[in-house]
Amino acid sequence: MRFGFDIDDTLINLREHAFQLYNKKLNQNIALDIFHSLNKVEIHEPFGMTAEEGSQMWNNSLEEIYYTNCPPYPDAVEMLQQLTDDGHEVFYITARPAEHGERTKTWLREQGFPVKDENFHCGMKDQEKVAIIQELRLDYYFDDKPDVLNTLADCQTKVYVKTQSYNKHLTIPRFSDWSEWKQLVEERNR
């Protein structure tokens, strides 16, 4: 089987990590329950920033956000390792800027994720992921962003949403914890 995965906020807890970095950089102490109640992907509003200021803060902080101690979600590394051990192909499809591709692969490997260079795709806009997913003829694809998942509605690939506060309105099969994935896939294949 061919499994495709978004990285940020699907395999790793990037936005929460960034939120905590913002607290530190801005010398604030905004509670995580405020983060968990956000109904959009962007995290700048609780810090009193405009969209432009938030975008600038994000872009100026990418090195720290991407390459420091952002934790993988529990069981994500083990699940992908198990898939490759079982002979399945694992693909990463991320909208991270292309200039971060090589460092992202290195960082993922350092965390224990099984990464083959030829199965790593980055640098596209969220909505462009669908073309790559179809080209790769993935059996399964996992992501968190509504903009991406909505473009895959008519795709042959079985799509799953990693539950986040901003995607609860989606009716796509979902999971909150990577320990649930096997049961989800088994149920969908019955």
N, C-alpha and C. Protein backbone atom coordinates (compact mmCIF):
# COMPACT_ATOMS: atom_id res chain seq x y z
N MET A 1 0.83 -1.18 0.00
CA MET A 1 0.00 0.00 0.00
C MET A 1 0.88 1.25 0.00
N ARG A 2 0.27 2.35 -0.43
CA ARG A 2 0.98 3.63 -0.51
C ARG A 2 0.29 4.63 0.43
N PHE A 3 1.03 5.08 1.45
CA PHE A 3 0.50 5.98 2.46
C PHE A 3 1.15 7.35 2.33
N GLY A 4 0.34 8.39 2.30
CA GLY A 4 0.85 9.76 2.22
C GLY A 4 0.53 10.54 3.48
N PHE A 5 1.46 11.38 3.89
CA PHE A 5 1.30 12.14 5.12
C PHE A 5 1.74 13.59 4.94
N ASP A 6 0.89 14.49 5.39
CA ASP A 6 1.32 15.85 5.64
C ASP A 6 2.22 15.77 6.88
N ILE A 7 3.05 16.76 7.10
CA ILE A 7 3.94 16.74 8.26
C ILE A 7 3.41 17.60 9.40
N ASP A 8 3.31 18.89 9.15
CA ASP A 8 2.99 19.85 10.20
C ASP A 8 1.56 19.71 10.68
N ASP A 9 1.40 19.50 11.96
CA ASP A 9 0.11 19.34 12.63
C ASP A 9 -0.64 18.09 12.21
N THR A 10 0.07 17.20 11.54
CA THR A 10 -0.45 15.87 11.24
C THR A 10 0.46 14.83 11.90
N LEU A 11 1.76 14.93 11.65
CA LEU A 11 2.73 14.04 12.28
C LEU A 11 3.44 14.70 13.46
N ILE A 12 3.58 16.01 13.40
CA ILE A 12 4.26 16.74 14.47
C ILE A 12 3.38 17.89 14.96
N ASN A 13 3.56 18.25 16.22
CA ASN A 13 2.72 19.25 16.89
C ASN A 13 3.28 20.66 16.67
N LEU A 14 3.35 21.08 15.42
CA LEU A 14 4.06 22.30 15.04
C LEU A 14 3.40 23.59 15.55
N ARG A 15 2.11 23.74 15.37
CA ARG A 15 1.46 24.99 15.76
C ARG A 15 1.53 25.22 17.27
N GLU A 16 1.33 24.16 18.06
CA GLU A 16 1.44 24.32 19.51
C GLU A 16 2.87 24.67 19.90
N HIS A 17 3.82 24.05 19.25
CA HIS A 17 5.23 24.36 19.47
C HIS A 17 5.49 25.83 19.14
N ALA A 18 4.99 26.31 18.01
CA ALA A 18 5.15 27.71 17.61
C ALA A 18 4.47 28.64 18.61
N PHE A 19 3.30 28.26 19.09
CA PHE A 19 2.56 29.06 20.06
C PHE A 19 3.40 29.26 21.33
N GLN A 20 4.02 28.19 21.77
CA GLN A 20 4.87 28.28 22.96
C GLN A 20 6.11 29.15 22.69
N LEU A 21 6.66 29.05 21.47
CA LEU A 21 7.79 29.92 21.10
C LEU A 21 7.36 31.39 21.08
N TYR A 22 6.17 31.66 20.55
CA TYR A 22 5.66 33.03 20.53
C TYR A 22 5.54 33.56 21.96
N ASN A 23 5.00 32.75 22.86
CA ASN A 23 4.89 33.17 24.27
C ASN A 23 6.26 33.59 24.80
N LYS A 24 7.26 32.78 24.52
CA LYS A 24 8.61 33.06 25.02
C LYS A 24 9.19 34.31 24.35
N LYS A 25 9.10 34.37 23.01
CA LYS A 25 9.68 35.50 22.28
C LYS A 25 9.00 36.82 22.62
N LEU A 26 7.71 36.78 22.86
CA LEU A 26 6.94 38.00 23.12
C LEU A 26 6.78 38.27 24.62
N ASN A 27 7.44 37.45 25.44
CA ASN A 27 7.39 37.58 26.89
C ASN A 27 5.93 37.61 27.39
N GLN A 28 5.15 36.65 26.89
CA GLN A 28 3.76 36.54 27.29
C GLN A 28 3.52 35.15 27.88
N ASN A 29 2.35 34.96 28.44
CA ASN A 29 2.01 33.67 29.03
C ASN A 29 0.55 33.35 28.70
N ILE A 30 0.27 33.27 27.41
CA ILE A 30 -1.10 32.97 26.98
C ILE A 30 -1.31 31.46 27.10
N ALA A 31 -2.38 31.09 27.77
CA ALA A 31 -2.65 29.69 28.10
C ALA A 31 -2.91 28.84 26.86
N LEU A 32 -2.53 27.56 26.96
CA LEU A 32 -2.74 26.64 25.85
C LEU A 32 -4.22 26.39 25.55
N ASP A 33 -5.10 26.59 26.54
CA ASP A 33 -6.52 26.39 26.24
C ASP A 33 -7.01 27.42 25.23
N ILE A 34 -6.40 28.60 25.19
CA ILE A 34 -6.73 29.59 24.17
C ILE A 34 -6.25 29.09 22.81
N PHE A 35 -5.03 28.52 22.78
CA PHE A 35 -4.53 27.92 21.54
C PHE A 35 -5.49 26.83 21.05
N HIS A 36 -5.92 25.96 21.94
CA HIS A 36 -6.77 24.83 21.56
C HIS A 36 -8.18 25.24 21.16
N SER A 37 -8.54 26.50 21.38
CA SER A 37 -9.86 26.97 20.97
C SER A 37 -9.83 27.75 19.66
N LEU A 38 -8.64 27.94 19.07
CA LEU A 38 -8.55 28.68 17.81
C LEU A 38 -9.31 27.95 16.71
N ASN A 39 -10.08 28.69 15.93
CA ASN A 39 -10.84 28.06 14.85
C ASN A 39 -10.23 28.32 13.48
N LYS A 40 -8.97 28.70 13.46
CA LYS A 40 -8.23 28.87 12.21
C LYS A 40 -6.80 28.39 12.42
N VAL A 41 -6.13 28.15 11.31
CA VAL A 41 -4.76 27.62 11.36
C VAL A 41 -3.80 28.63 11.98
N GLU A 42 -3.95 29.89 11.65
CA GLU A 42 -3.04 30.93 12.11
C GLU A 42 -3.13 31.09 13.64
N ILE A 43 -2.01 31.41 14.27
CA ILE A 43 -1.95 31.48 15.73
C ILE A 43 -1.68 32.88 16.27
N HIS A 44 -1.66 33.89 15.45
CA HIS A 44 -1.22 35.23 15.86
C HIS A 44 -2.24 36.02 16.66
N GLU A 45 -3.53 35.78 16.47
CA GLU A 45 -4.55 36.64 17.09
C GLU A 45 -4.47 36.72 18.61
N PRO A 46 -4.28 35.62 19.34
CA PRO A 46 -4.20 35.75 20.81
C PRO A 46 -3.06 36.66 21.29
N PHE A 47 -2.08 36.88 20.40
CA PHE A 47 -0.95 37.73 20.76
C PHE A 47 -1.19 39.19 20.34
N GLY A 48 -2.40 39.49 19.85
CA GLY A 48 -2.75 40.85 19.47
C GLY A 48 -2.13 41.32 18.18
N MET A 49 -1.72 40.39 17.33
CA MET A 49 -1.10 40.75 16.06
C MET A 49 -2.13 40.78 14.93
N THR A 50 -1.90 41.66 13.96
CA THR A 50 -2.70 41.66 12.75
C THR A 50 -2.26 40.47 11.89
N ALA A 51 -3.00 40.17 10.84
CA ALA A 51 -2.63 39.08 9.93
C ALA A 51 -1.24 39.33 9.34
N GLU A 52 -0.96 40.57 8.97
CA GLU A 52 0.34 40.89 8.40
C GLU A 52 1.46 40.70 9.42
N GLU A 53 1.23 41.18 10.63
CA GLU A 53 2.23 41.01 11.70
C GLU A 53 2.42 39.53 12.03
N GLY A 54 1.32 38.78 12.04
CA GLY A 54 1.39 37.35 12.31
C GLY A 54 2.17 36.62 11.24
N SER A 55 1.94 36.96 9.99
CA SER A 55 2.67 36.35 8.88
C SER A 55 4.16 36.66 8.98
N GLN A 56 4.47 37.90 9.31
CA GLN A 56 5.87 38.29 9.46
C GLN A 56 6.53 37.54 10.63
N MET A 57 5.82 37.45 11.74
CA MET A 57 6.35 36.72 12.91
C MET A 57 6.61 35.26 12.54
N TRP A 58 5.66 34.63 11.87
CA TRP A 58 5.81 33.23 11.46
C TRP A 58 7.03 33.07 10.56
N ASN A 59 7.10 33.88 9.50
CA ASN A 59 8.20 33.76 8.54
C ASN A 59 9.56 34.06 9.17
N ASN A 60 9.60 35.01 10.10
CA ASN A 60 10.86 35.34 10.77
C ASN A 60 11.26 34.28 11.80
N SER A 61 10.33 33.41 12.17
CA SER A 61 10.59 32.40 13.21
C SER A 61 10.71 30.98 12.65
N LEU A 62 10.68 30.82 11.33
CA LEU A 62 10.65 29.48 10.74
C LEU A 62 11.80 28.59 11.20
N GLU A 63 13.00 29.13 11.28
CA GLU A 63 14.14 28.32 11.71
C GLU A 63 13.86 27.70 13.08
N GLU A 64 13.43 28.51 14.01
CA GLU A 64 13.13 28.02 15.36
C GLU A 64 11.94 27.07 15.36
N ILE A 65 10.90 27.45 14.63
CA ILE A 65 9.68 26.64 14.61
C ILE A 65 9.96 25.26 14.02
N TYR A 66 10.62 25.23 12.88
CA TYR A 66 10.85 23.97 12.16
C TYR A 66 11.92 23.08 12.78
N TYR A 67 12.99 23.65 13.31
CA TYR A 67 14.17 22.84 13.59
C TYR A 67 14.61 22.81 15.04
N THR A 68 13.76 23.21 15.95
CA THR A 68 14.15 23.08 17.35
C THR A 68 13.49 21.82 17.91
N ASN A 69 12.86 21.91 19.03
CA ASN A 69 12.39 20.70 19.71
C ASN A 69 10.89 20.46 19.53
N CYS A 70 10.38 20.65 18.33
CA CYS A 70 8.97 20.37 18.05
C CYS A 70 8.73 18.86 18.16
N PRO A 71 7.80 18.47 19.01
CA PRO A 71 7.61 17.03 19.23
C PRO A 71 6.73 16.36 18.17
N PRO A 72 7.11 15.16 17.75
CA PRO A 72 6.17 14.35 16.97
C PRO A 72 4.98 13.99 17.85
N TYR A 73 3.82 13.78 17.24
CA TYR A 73 2.69 13.30 18.02
C TYR A 73 3.00 11.89 18.52
N PRO A 74 2.50 11.52 19.70
CA PRO A 74 2.72 10.17 20.21
C PRO A 74 2.31 9.12 19.18
N ASP A 75 3.14 8.12 19.02
CA ASP A 75 2.94 6.96 18.15
C ASP A 75 3.13 7.24 16.66
N ALA A 76 3.36 8.50 16.25
CA ALA A 76 3.50 8.80 14.82
C ALA A 76 4.77 8.16 14.24
N VAL A 77 5.89 8.32 14.91
CA VAL A 77 7.15 7.75 14.42
C VAL A 77 7.04 6.23 14.34
N GLU A 78 6.54 5.63 15.40
CA GLU A 78 6.43 4.17 15.46
C GLU A 78 5.48 3.64 14.38
N MET A 79 4.40 4.37 14.14
CA MET A 79 3.44 3.94 13.14
C MET A 79 4.06 3.95 11.74
N LEU A 80 4.79 5.02 11.39
CA LEU A 80 5.42 5.08 10.07
C LEU A 80 6.54 4.05 9.94
N GLN A 81 7.28 3.83 11.03
CA GLN A 81 8.31 2.78 11.00
C GLN A 81 7.67 1.42 10.77
N GLN A 82 6.54 1.15 11.43
CA GLN A 82 5.84 -0.12 11.26
C GLN A 82 5.36 -0.30 9.83
N LEU A 83 4.83 0.77 9.24
CA LEU A 83 4.37 0.70 7.85
C LEU A 83 5.51 0.30 6.92
N THR A 84 6.67 0.95 7.08
CA THR A 84 7.79 0.61 6.20
C THR A 84 8.32 -0.79 6.51
N ASP A 85 8.34 -1.18 7.79
CA ASP A 85 8.77 -2.54 8.14
C ASP A 85 7.86 -3.59 7.52
N ASP A 86 6.57 -3.24 7.38
CA ASP A 86 5.60 -4.16 6.79
C ASP A 86 5.60 -4.12 5.26
N GLY A 87 6.50 -3.32 4.67
CA GLY A 87 6.65 -3.29 3.22
C GLY A 87 5.81 -2.25 2.50
N HIS A 88 5.14 -1.38 3.24
CA HIS A 88 4.35 -0.32 2.61
C HIS A 88 5.25 0.86 2.25
N GLU A 89 4.80 1.67 1.30
CA GLU A 89 5.54 2.88 0.93
C GLU A 89 4.97 4.07 1.69
N VAL A 90 5.86 4.89 2.23
CA VAL A 90 5.48 6.08 2.99
C VAL A 90 5.96 7.31 2.21
N PHE A 91 5.02 8.24 1.98
CA PHE A 91 5.32 9.48 1.26
C PHE A 91 5.01 10.66 2.17
N TYR A 92 5.84 11.69 2.08
CA TYR A 92 5.62 12.93 2.81
C TYR A 92 5.28 14.00 1.78
N ILE A 93 4.19 14.72 2.03
CA ILE A 93 3.73 15.75 1.11
C ILE A 93 3.45 16.99 1.95
N THR A 94 4.36 17.96 1.87
CA THR A 94 4.27 19.13 2.74
C THR A 94 4.33 20.42 1.94
N ALA A 95 3.59 21.41 2.40
CA ALA A 95 3.60 22.73 1.78
C ALA A 95 4.73 23.60 2.34
N ARG A 96 5.59 23.02 3.15
CA ARG A 96 6.74 23.80 3.63
C ARG A 96 7.48 24.35 2.41
N PRO A 97 8.04 25.56 2.52
CA PRO A 97 8.78 26.13 1.39
C PRO A 97 9.90 25.19 0.92
N ALA A 98 10.12 25.15 -0.40
CA ALA A 98 11.09 24.23 -1.00
C ALA A 98 12.49 24.39 -0.40
N GLU A 99 12.86 25.61 -0.03
CA GLU A 99 14.20 25.82 0.52
C GLU A 99 14.40 25.12 1.86
N HIS A 100 13.32 24.63 2.46
CA HIS A 100 13.42 23.89 3.73
C HIS A 100 13.38 22.37 3.51
N GLY A 101 13.33 21.93 2.28
CA GLY A 101 13.17 20.51 1.99
C GLY A 101 14.26 19.63 2.56
N GLU A 102 15.51 19.92 2.24
CA GLU A 102 16.62 19.06 2.69
C GLU A 102 16.74 19.05 4.21
N ARG A 103 16.63 20.23 4.83
CA ARG A 103 16.73 20.28 6.29
C ARG A 103 15.55 19.59 6.96
N THR A 104 14.38 19.68 6.34
CA THR A 104 13.21 19.00 6.90
C THR A 104 13.41 17.49 6.85
N LYS A 105 13.91 16.97 5.73
CA LYS A 105 14.19 15.53 5.64
C LYS A 105 15.18 15.10 6.72
N THR A 106 16.24 15.87 6.88
CA THR A 106 17.25 15.56 7.90
C THR A 106 16.61 15.57 9.29
N TRP A 107 15.81 16.60 9.57
CA TRP A 107 15.16 16.72 10.88
C TRP A 107 14.23 15.54 11.12
N LEU A 108 13.43 15.17 10.12
CA LEU A 108 12.53 14.03 10.26
C LEU A 108 13.30 12.75 10.57
N ARG A 109 14.40 12.53 9.86
CA ARG A 109 15.23 11.34 10.11
C ARG A 109 15.78 11.35 11.53
N GLU A 110 16.21 12.52 11.99
CA GLU A 110 16.74 12.62 13.36
C GLU A 110 15.68 12.27 14.40
N GLN A 111 14.41 12.51 14.08
CA GLN A 111 13.32 12.17 15.00
C GLN A 111 12.94 10.69 14.91
N GLY A 112 13.47 10.00 13.89
CA GLY A 112 13.18 8.57 13.73
C GLY A 112 12.21 8.24 12.62
N PHE A 113 11.71 9.25 11.90
CA PHE A 113 10.80 8.98 10.79
C PHE A 113 11.55 8.34 9.63
N PRO A 114 10.96 7.33 9.00
CA PRO A 114 11.62 6.70 7.84
C PRO A 114 11.38 7.56 6.59
N VAL A 115 12.45 8.12 6.05
CA VAL A 115 12.32 9.04 4.91
C VAL A 115 13.21 8.58 3.76
N LYS A 116 12.59 8.35 2.60
CA LYS A 116 13.33 8.12 1.36
C LYS A 116 13.27 9.41 0.56
N ASP A 117 14.40 9.85 0.03
CA ASP A 117 14.44 11.11 -0.73
C ASP A 117 13.38 11.16 -1.82
N GLU A 118 13.22 10.07 -2.55
CA GLU A 118 12.28 10.05 -3.68
C GLU A 118 10.82 10.06 -3.24
N ASN A 119 10.56 9.85 -1.96
CA ASN A 119 9.18 9.84 -1.44
C ASN A 119 8.87 11.10 -0.63
N PHE A 120 9.68 12.13 -0.82
CA PHE A 120 9.50 13.38 -0.09
C PHE A 120 9.18 14.49 -1.08
N HIS A 121 8.04 15.15 -0.87
CA HIS A 121 7.58 16.20 -1.78
C HIS A 121 7.27 17.45 -0.97
N CYS A 122 7.86 18.58 -1.36
CA CYS A 122 7.59 19.82 -0.64
C CYS A 122 7.62 21.01 -1.59
N GLY A 123 7.16 22.14 -1.06
CA GLY A 123 7.26 23.38 -1.80
C GLY A 123 6.03 23.75 -2.60
N MET A 124 4.95 23.00 -2.48
CA MET A 124 3.73 23.33 -3.22
C MET A 124 2.75 24.06 -2.32
N LYS A 125 1.80 24.74 -2.91
CA LYS A 125 0.73 25.35 -2.13
C LYS A 125 -0.18 24.23 -1.62
N ASP A 126 -0.89 24.51 -0.54
CA ASP A 126 -1.78 23.50 0.03
C ASP A 126 -2.71 22.90 -1.02
N GLN A 127 -3.34 23.74 -1.84
CA GLN A 127 -4.30 23.25 -2.81
C GLN A 127 -3.66 22.45 -3.94
N GLU A 128 -2.36 22.58 -4.12
CA GLU A 128 -1.65 21.84 -5.17
C GLU A 128 -1.28 20.42 -4.74
N LYS A 129 -1.46 20.12 -3.49
CA LYS A 129 -1.13 18.78 -3.00
C LYS A 129 -1.94 17.70 -3.72
N VAL A 130 -3.16 18.03 -4.10
CA VAL A 130 -4.04 17.03 -4.72
C VAL A 130 -3.41 16.44 -5.98
N ALA A 131 -2.75 17.25 -6.78
CA ALA A 131 -2.12 16.74 -8.01
C ALA A 131 -1.03 15.73 -7.68
N ILE A 132 -0.24 16.00 -6.66
CA ILE A 132 0.82 15.08 -6.25
C ILE A 132 0.22 13.80 -5.70
N ILE A 133 -0.81 13.94 -4.88
CA ILE A 133 -1.46 12.77 -4.28
C ILE A 133 -2.04 11.88 -5.38
N GLN A 134 -2.66 12.47 -6.37
CA GLN A 134 -3.22 11.67 -7.48
C GLN A 134 -2.12 11.06 -8.33
N GLU A 135 -1.07 11.83 -8.59
CA GLU A 135 0.05 11.33 -9.39
C GLU A 135 0.72 10.13 -8.70
N LEU A 136 0.81 10.17 -7.40
CA LEU A 136 1.44 9.09 -6.64
C LEU A 136 0.52 7.88 -6.46
N ARG A 137 -0.75 8.04 -6.80
CA ARG A 137 -1.75 6.98 -6.64
C ARG A 137 -1.72 6.42 -5.21
N LEU A 138 -1.84 7.33 -4.26
CA LEU A 138 -1.83 6.93 -2.86
C LEU A 138 -3.10 6.16 -2.51
N ASP A 139 -2.95 5.17 -1.66
CA ASP A 139 -4.12 4.46 -1.14
C ASP A 139 -4.73 5.23 0.02
N TYR A 140 -3.90 5.87 0.84
CA TYR A 140 -4.34 6.61 2.02
C TYR A 140 -3.57 7.91 2.11
N TYR A 141 -4.27 8.94 2.59
CA TYR A 141 -3.61 10.23 2.81
C TYR A 141 -4.14 10.85 4.10
N PHE A 142 -3.23 11.41 4.91
CA PHE A 142 -3.54 11.99 6.20
C PHE A 142 -3.09 13.45 6.24
N ASP A 143 -3.99 14.35 6.64
CA ASP A 143 -3.68 15.78 6.68
C ASP A 143 -4.55 16.44 7.74
N ASP A 144 -4.28 17.72 8.01
CA ASP A 144 -5.05 18.46 9.00
C ASP A 144 -5.81 19.65 8.42
N LYS A 145 -5.40 20.15 7.27
CA LYS A 145 -5.93 21.42 6.77
C LYS A 145 -7.17 21.25 5.92
N PRO A 146 -8.24 21.96 6.27
CA PRO A 146 -9.47 21.90 5.47
C PRO A 146 -9.25 22.24 4.00
N ASP A 147 -8.41 23.25 3.70
CA ASP A 147 -8.18 23.63 2.30
C ASP A 147 -7.63 22.46 1.48
N VAL A 148 -6.79 21.65 2.07
CA VAL A 148 -6.23 20.50 1.38
C VAL A 148 -7.27 19.38 1.28
N LEU A 149 -7.85 19.06 2.40
CA LEU A 149 -8.77 17.92 2.47
C LEU A 149 -10.00 18.14 1.59
N ASN A 150 -10.49 19.36 1.52
CA ASN A 150 -11.65 19.63 0.68
C ASN A 150 -11.35 19.44 -0.80
N THR A 151 -10.10 19.64 -1.22
CA THR A 151 -9.74 19.45 -2.62
C THR A 151 -9.65 17.96 -2.98
N LEU A 152 -9.65 17.11 -1.98
CA LEU A 152 -9.50 15.66 -2.21
C LEU A 152 -10.83 14.92 -2.15
N ALA A 153 -11.93 15.64 -2.09
CA ALA A 153 -13.24 15.01 -1.91
C ALA A 153 -13.57 13.99 -3.00
N ASP A 154 -13.16 14.24 -4.22
CA ASP A 154 -13.49 13.34 -5.33
C ASP A 154 -12.34 12.41 -5.71
N CYS A 155 -11.35 12.34 -4.88
CA CYS A 155 -10.15 11.55 -5.14
C CYS A 155 -10.38 10.08 -4.77
N GLN A 156 -9.72 9.16 -5.45
CA GLN A 156 -9.81 7.74 -5.13
C GLN A 156 -9.12 7.39 -3.81
N THR A 157 -8.19 8.22 -3.40
CA THR A 157 -7.44 8.00 -2.17
C THR A 157 -8.36 8.10 -0.96
N LYS A 158 -8.17 7.20 -0.01
CA LYS A 158 -8.93 7.27 1.25
C LYS A 158 -8.25 8.32 2.13
N VAL A 159 -9.01 9.35 2.48
CA VAL A 159 -8.48 10.52 3.17
C VAL A 159 -8.94 10.53 4.63
N TYR A 160 -8.01 10.95 5.50
CA TYR A 160 -8.29 11.07 6.93
C TYR A 160 -7.81 12.42 7.42
N VAL A 161 -8.55 12.99 8.37
CA VAL A 161 -8.18 14.27 8.95
C VAL A 161 -7.66 14.05 10.37
N LYS A 162 -6.50 14.65 10.66
CA LYS A 162 -5.95 14.68 12.02
C LYS A 162 -6.69 15.80 12.73
N THR A 163 -7.46 15.48 13.74
CA THR A 163 -8.31 16.45 14.42
C THR A 163 -7.50 17.60 14.99
N GLN A 164 -7.94 18.80 14.65
CA GLN A 164 -7.41 20.05 15.19
C GLN A 164 -8.60 20.96 15.46
N SER A 165 -8.41 22.00 16.25
CA SER A 165 -9.51 22.90 16.60
C SER A 165 -10.13 23.58 15.39
N TYR A 166 -9.37 23.76 14.32
CA TYR A 166 -9.83 24.47 13.13
C TYR A 166 -10.44 23.56 12.07
N ASN A 167 -10.49 22.25 12.31
CA ASN A 167 -11.06 21.37 11.27
C ASN A 167 -12.21 20.50 11.78
N LYS A 168 -12.75 20.84 12.91
CA LYS A 168 -13.81 20.01 13.51
C LYS A 168 -15.09 19.98 12.69
N HIS A 169 -15.27 20.93 11.79
CA HIS A 169 -16.46 20.99 10.95
C HIS A 169 -16.42 19.98 9.79
N LEU A 170 -15.26 19.43 9.49
CA LEU A 170 -15.13 18.50 8.37
C LEU A 170 -15.82 17.17 8.68
N THR A 171 -16.43 16.58 7.68
CA THR A 171 -17.12 15.30 7.86
C THR A 171 -16.29 14.13 7.36
N ILE A 172 -15.04 14.38 7.08
CA ILE A 172 -14.10 13.36 6.62
C ILE A 172 -13.76 12.45 7.81
N PRO A 173 -13.52 11.15 7.58
CA PRO A 173 -13.10 10.30 8.70
C PRO A 173 -11.90 10.92 9.41
N ARG A 174 -11.96 10.91 10.74
CA ARG A 174 -10.94 11.61 11.51
C ARG A 174 -10.36 10.76 12.62
N PHE A 175 -9.25 11.23 13.13
CA PHE A 175 -8.62 10.60 14.28
C PHE A 175 -7.95 11.69 15.10
N SER A 176 -7.81 11.46 16.38
CA SER A 176 -7.16 12.41 17.28
C SER A 176 -5.78 11.93 17.70
N ASP A 177 -5.60 10.65 17.66
CA ASP A 177 -4.39 10.04 18.21
C ASP A 177 -3.88 9.00 17.21
N TRP A 178 -2.57 8.97 16.98
CA TRP A 178 -2.02 8.03 16.01
C TRP A 178 -2.19 6.58 16.44
N SER A 179 -2.46 6.32 17.71
CA SER A 179 -2.70 4.95 18.12
C SER A 179 -4.02 4.42 17.54
N GLU A 180 -4.88 5.32 17.05
CA GLU A 180 -6.18 4.93 16.49
C GLU A 180 -6.11 4.53 15.01
N TRP A 181 -5.02 4.83 14.34
CA TRP A 181 -4.99 4.73 12.88
C TRP A 181 -5.29 3.34 12.34
N LYS A 182 -4.72 2.30 12.94
CA LYS A 182 -4.96 0.94 12.42
C LYS A 182 -6.44 0.59 12.45
N GLN A 183 -7.09 0.90 13.55
CA GLN A 183 -8.51 0.61 13.68
C GLN A 183 -9.31 1.37 12.63
N LEU A 184 -8.98 2.62 12.39
CA LEU A 184 -9.67 3.42 11.38
C LEU A 184 -9.55 2.80 9.99
N VAL A 185 -8.34 2.44 9.62
CA VAL A 185 -8.08 1.86 8.30
C VAL A 185 -8.81 0.52 8.17
N GLU A 186 -8.75 -0.31 9.20
CA GLU A 186 -9.43 -1.60 9.16
C GLU A 186 -10.95 -1.43 9.00
N GLU A 187 -11.52 -0.49 9.75
CA GLU A 187 -12.95 -0.24 9.67
C GLU A 187 -13.37 0.24 8.28
N ARG A 188 -12.56 1.08 7.69
CA ARG A 188 -12.88 1.65 6.38
C ARG A 188 -12.74 0.61 5.27
N ASN A 189 -11.95 -0.41 5.49
CA ASN A 189 -11.73 -1.44 4.47
C ASN A 189 -12.73 -2.58 4.58
N ARG A 190 -13.61 -2.57 5.55
CA ARG A 190 -14.59 -3.66 5.69
C ARG A 190 -15.69 -3.55 4.67
